[in-house]
Amino acid sequence: MAVSATVIGALLGLGTQMYSNALRKLPYMRHPWEHALGMGLGAVFVNQLVKWDAQLQQDLDKMLEKAKAANERRYFDDDD
């Protein structure tokens, strides 16, 4: 997943820079270093997004487990 996320991010950064140049009616590869920078930033962004999604899923699982345990204590414990 890490390699595909990196490639997707790099393509996102490259596409964003090329789209920006096209909107301004400049040559697509006007400053090649801007494309490299965009690819790097895009790769970092998508990798951080994947990490954040995994952490969010873990937090959600913990919250659901706590809620399930609380509901079982509330409704299924016979302390009466």
N, C-alpha and C. Protein backbone atom coordinates (compact mmCIF):
# COMPACT_ATOMS: atom_id res chain seq x y z
N MET A 1 0.83 -1.20 0.00
CA MET A 1 0.00 0.00 0.00
C MET A 1 0.87 1.26 0.00
N ALA A 2 2.03 1.18 0.63
CA ALA A 2 2.88 2.38 0.73
C ALA A 2 3.41 2.80 -0.64
N VAL A 3 3.77 1.82 -1.47
CA VAL A 3 4.30 2.16 -2.79
C VAL A 3 3.21 2.77 -3.66
N SER A 4 2.02 2.19 -3.62
CA SER A 4 0.94 2.72 -4.46
C SER A 4 0.51 4.10 -3.97
N ALA A 5 0.50 4.31 -2.66
CA ALA A 5 0.15 5.63 -2.13
C ALA A 5 1.18 6.67 -2.55
N THR A 6 2.45 6.28 -2.54
CA THR A 6 3.51 7.20 -2.94
C THR A 6 3.39 7.56 -4.42
N VAL A 7 3.12 6.56 -5.25
CA VAL A 7 2.98 6.80 -6.69
C VAL A 7 1.76 7.67 -6.96
N ILE A 8 0.65 7.39 -6.29
CA ILE A 8 -0.56 8.19 -6.48
C ILE A 8 -0.30 9.64 -6.06
N GLY A 9 0.39 9.82 -4.93
CA GLY A 9 0.71 11.17 -4.47
C GLY A 9 1.63 11.91 -5.43
N ALA A 10 2.61 11.20 -5.96
CA ALA A 10 3.53 11.83 -6.91
C ALA A 10 2.78 12.24 -8.17
N LEU A 11 1.90 11.39 -8.64
CA LEU A 11 1.11 11.74 -9.83
C LEU A 11 0.15 12.90 -9.54
N LEU A 12 -0.38 12.94 -8.33
CA LEU A 12 -1.24 14.06 -7.94
C LEU A 12 -0.46 15.37 -7.95
N GLY A 13 0.74 15.35 -7.39
CA GLY A 13 1.58 16.56 -7.37
C GLY A 13 1.99 16.99 -8.76
N LEU A 14 2.38 16.04 -9.60
CA LEU A 14 2.76 16.34 -10.97
C LEU A 14 1.58 16.89 -11.75
N GLY A 15 0.43 16.25 -11.61
CA GLY A 15 -0.77 16.71 -12.31
C GLY A 15 -1.20 18.09 -11.88
N THR A 16 -1.08 18.37 -10.59
CA THR A 16 -1.44 19.69 -10.09
C THR A 16 -0.55 20.77 -10.68
N GLN A 17 0.75 20.51 -10.74
CA GLN A 17 1.68 21.50 -11.30
C GLN A 17 1.44 21.69 -12.79
N MET A 18 1.21 20.61 -13.51
CA MET A 18 0.97 20.73 -14.95
C MET A 18 -0.35 21.45 -15.21
N TYR A 19 -1.37 21.17 -14.40
CA TYR A 19 -2.65 21.85 -14.54
C TYR A 19 -2.50 23.35 -14.24
N SER A 20 -1.71 23.66 -13.23
CA SER A 20 -1.47 25.07 -12.90
C SER A 20 -0.79 25.79 -14.07
N ASN A 21 0.19 25.15 -14.69
CA ASN A 21 0.86 25.76 -15.84
C ASN A 21 -0.10 25.89 -17.02
N ALA A 22 -0.95 24.90 -17.22
CA ALA A 22 -1.89 24.95 -18.34
C ALA A 22 -2.91 26.08 -18.15
N LEU A 23 -3.37 26.27 -16.91
CA LEU A 23 -4.32 27.35 -16.65
C LEU A 23 -3.71 28.72 -16.94
N ARG A 24 -2.44 28.85 -16.66
CA ARG A 24 -1.76 30.13 -16.89
C ARG A 24 -1.18 30.23 -18.30
N LYS A 25 -1.48 29.23 -19.13
CA LYS A 25 -1.02 29.17 -20.53
C LYS A 25 0.50 29.29 -20.63
N LEU A 26 1.16 28.54 -19.76
CA LEU A 26 2.62 28.44 -19.77
C LEU A 26 2.99 27.07 -20.32
N PRO A 27 4.22 26.89 -20.75
CA PRO A 27 4.65 25.54 -21.15
C PRO A 27 4.51 24.58 -19.97
N TYR A 28 4.10 23.35 -20.26
CA TYR A 28 3.84 22.38 -19.19
C TYR A 28 5.05 22.17 -18.28
N MET A 29 6.23 22.05 -18.87
CA MET A 29 7.42 21.76 -18.09
C MET A 29 8.30 23.00 -17.95
N ARG A 30 7.71 24.11 -17.58
CA ARG A 30 8.41 25.40 -17.53
C ARG A 30 9.57 25.37 -16.54
N HIS A 31 9.30 25.00 -15.31
CA HIS A 31 10.34 24.87 -14.29
C HIS A 31 10.31 23.44 -13.78
N PRO A 32 11.19 22.60 -14.24
CA PRO A 32 11.14 21.18 -13.84
C PRO A 32 11.27 20.96 -12.33
N TRP A 33 12.00 21.82 -11.64
CA TRP A 33 12.14 21.65 -10.20
C TRP A 33 10.81 21.82 -9.48
N GLU A 34 9.89 22.63 -10.04
CA GLU A 34 8.56 22.76 -9.44
C GLU A 34 7.79 21.46 -9.54
N HIS A 35 8.01 20.73 -10.63
CA HIS A 35 7.34 19.45 -10.79
C HIS A 35 7.87 18.44 -9.78
N ALA A 36 9.19 18.44 -9.59
CA ALA A 36 9.79 17.53 -8.60
C ALA A 36 9.30 17.86 -7.20
N LEU A 37 9.23 19.15 -6.88
CA LEU A 37 8.73 19.57 -5.58
C LEU A 37 7.27 19.17 -5.40
N GLY A 38 6.46 19.37 -6.43
CA GLY A 38 5.05 18.98 -6.37
C GLY A 38 4.88 17.49 -6.19
N MET A 39 5.72 16.71 -6.86
CA MET A 39 5.64 15.26 -6.72
C MET A 39 6.02 14.84 -5.30
N GLY A 40 7.03 15.46 -4.74
CA GLY A 40 7.43 15.14 -3.37
C GLY A 40 6.36 15.51 -2.36
N LEU A 41 5.80 16.70 -2.50
CA LEU A 41 4.75 17.12 -1.58
C LEU A 41 3.50 16.26 -1.73
N GLY A 42 3.17 15.89 -2.96
CA GLY A 42 2.01 15.03 -3.17
C GLY A 42 2.21 13.66 -2.54
N ALA A 43 3.41 13.10 -2.66
CA ALA A 43 3.70 11.80 -2.06
C ALA A 43 3.61 11.86 -0.54
N VAL A 44 4.17 12.91 0.06
CA VAL A 44 4.09 13.07 1.51
C VAL A 44 2.64 13.23 1.94
N PHE A 45 1.87 14.03 1.22
CA PHE A 45 0.47 14.26 1.57
C PHE A 45 -0.33 12.96 1.56
N VAL A 46 -0.20 12.18 0.51
CA VAL A 46 -0.99 10.95 0.41
C VAL A 46 -0.54 9.92 1.44
N ASN A 47 0.76 9.83 1.71
CA ASN A 47 1.22 8.91 2.74
C ASN A 47 0.70 9.31 4.12
N GLN A 48 0.69 10.59 4.42
CA GLN A 48 0.14 11.05 5.70
C GLN A 48 -1.37 10.79 5.77
N LEU A 49 -2.04 10.92 4.64
CA LEU A 49 -3.47 10.65 4.59
C LEU A 49 -3.75 9.18 4.88
N VAL A 50 -2.93 8.28 4.36
CA VAL A 50 -3.09 6.85 4.63
C VAL A 50 -2.83 6.55 6.10
N LYS A 51 -1.79 7.15 6.68
CA LYS A 51 -1.51 6.96 8.11
C LYS A 51 -2.66 7.47 8.96
N TRP A 52 -3.17 8.63 8.61
CA TRP A 52 -4.27 9.22 9.37
C TRP A 52 -5.51 8.34 9.30
N ASP A 53 -5.78 7.77 8.14
CA ASP A 53 -6.94 6.90 7.98
C ASP A 53 -6.79 5.64 8.83
N ALA A 54 -5.59 5.07 8.87
CA ALA A 54 -5.36 3.87 9.70
C ALA A 54 -5.54 4.20 11.18
N GLN A 55 -5.01 5.34 11.61
CA GLN A 55 -5.16 5.73 13.01
C GLN A 55 -6.63 6.01 13.35
N LEU A 56 -7.33 6.62 12.44
CA LEU A 56 -8.75 6.89 12.64
C LEU A 56 -9.54 5.60 12.78
N GLN A 57 -9.20 4.60 11.98
CA GLN A 57 -9.88 3.30 12.05
C GLN A 57 -9.62 2.62 13.39
N GLN A 58 -8.38 2.70 13.89
CA GLN A 58 -8.06 2.13 15.20
C GLN A 58 -8.83 2.83 16.31
N ASP A 59 -8.88 4.16 16.27
CA ASP A 59 -9.62 4.90 17.28
C ASP A 59 -11.11 4.57 17.24
N LEU A 60 -11.66 4.43 16.06
CA LEU A 60 -13.07 4.08 15.93
C LEU A 60 -13.34 2.69 16.48
N ASP A 61 -12.45 1.74 16.21
CA ASP A 61 -12.61 0.39 16.75
C ASP A 61 -12.59 0.39 18.28
N LYS A 62 -11.69 1.18 18.87
CA LYS A 62 -11.63 1.29 20.33
C LYS A 62 -12.92 1.88 20.89
N MET A 63 -13.42 2.94 20.25
CA MET A 63 -14.65 3.57 20.74
C MET A 63 -15.84 2.62 20.63
N LEU A 64 -15.92 1.89 19.53
CA LEU A 64 -17.02 0.94 19.36
C LEU A 64 -16.94 -0.19 20.37
N GLU A 65 -15.73 -0.65 20.69
CA GLU A 65 -15.56 -1.70 21.68
C GLU A 65 -15.99 -1.21 23.07
N LYS A 66 -15.61 0.02 23.39
CA LYS A 66 -16.02 0.59 24.68
C LYS A 66 -17.53 0.75 24.75
N ALA A 67 -18.15 1.20 23.68
CA ALA A 67 -19.60 1.38 23.66
C ALA A 67 -20.31 0.02 23.77
N LYS A 68 -19.77 -0.99 23.10
CA LYS A 68 -20.37 -2.33 23.17
C LYS A 68 -20.28 -2.87 24.60
N ALA A 69 -19.12 -2.68 25.23
CA ALA A 69 -18.96 -3.15 26.61
C ALA A 69 -19.90 -2.41 27.56
N ALA A 70 -20.05 -1.11 27.37
CA ALA A 70 -20.95 -0.33 28.22
C ALA A 70 -22.40 -0.78 28.03
N ASN A 71 -22.79 -1.04 26.80
CA ASN A 71 -24.16 -1.51 26.55
C ASN A 71 -24.39 -2.89 27.15
N GLU A 72 -23.40 -3.76 27.07
CA GLU A 72 -23.56 -5.09 27.66
C GLU A 72 -23.67 -5.00 29.17
N ARG A 73 -22.88 -4.13 29.79
CA ARG A 73 -22.98 -3.95 31.25
C ARG A 73 -24.34 -3.36 31.61
N ARG A 74 -24.82 -2.46 30.80
CA ARG A 74 -26.07 -1.78 31.13
C ARG A 74 -27.29 -2.67 30.96
N TYR A 75 -27.31 -3.47 29.92
CA TYR A 75 -28.52 -4.21 29.59
C TYR A 75 -28.47 -5.69 29.94
N PHE A 76 -27.29 -6.28 30.06
CA PHE A 76 -27.22 -7.72 30.23
C PHE A 76 -26.71 -8.18 31.57
N ASP A 77 -26.19 -7.27 32.38
CA ASP A 77 -25.76 -7.65 33.72
C ASP A 77 -26.99 -7.71 34.63
N ASP A 78 -27.11 -8.78 35.39
CA ASP A 78 -28.28 -8.95 36.28
C ASP A 78 -27.86 -8.65 37.70
N ASP A 79 -27.66 -7.39 38.01
CA ASP A 79 -27.30 -6.99 39.35
C ASP A 79 -28.53 -6.65 40.19
N ASP A 80 -29.71 -6.68 39.59
CA ASP A 80 -30.94 -6.27 40.31
C ASP A 80 -31.33 -7.24 41.37
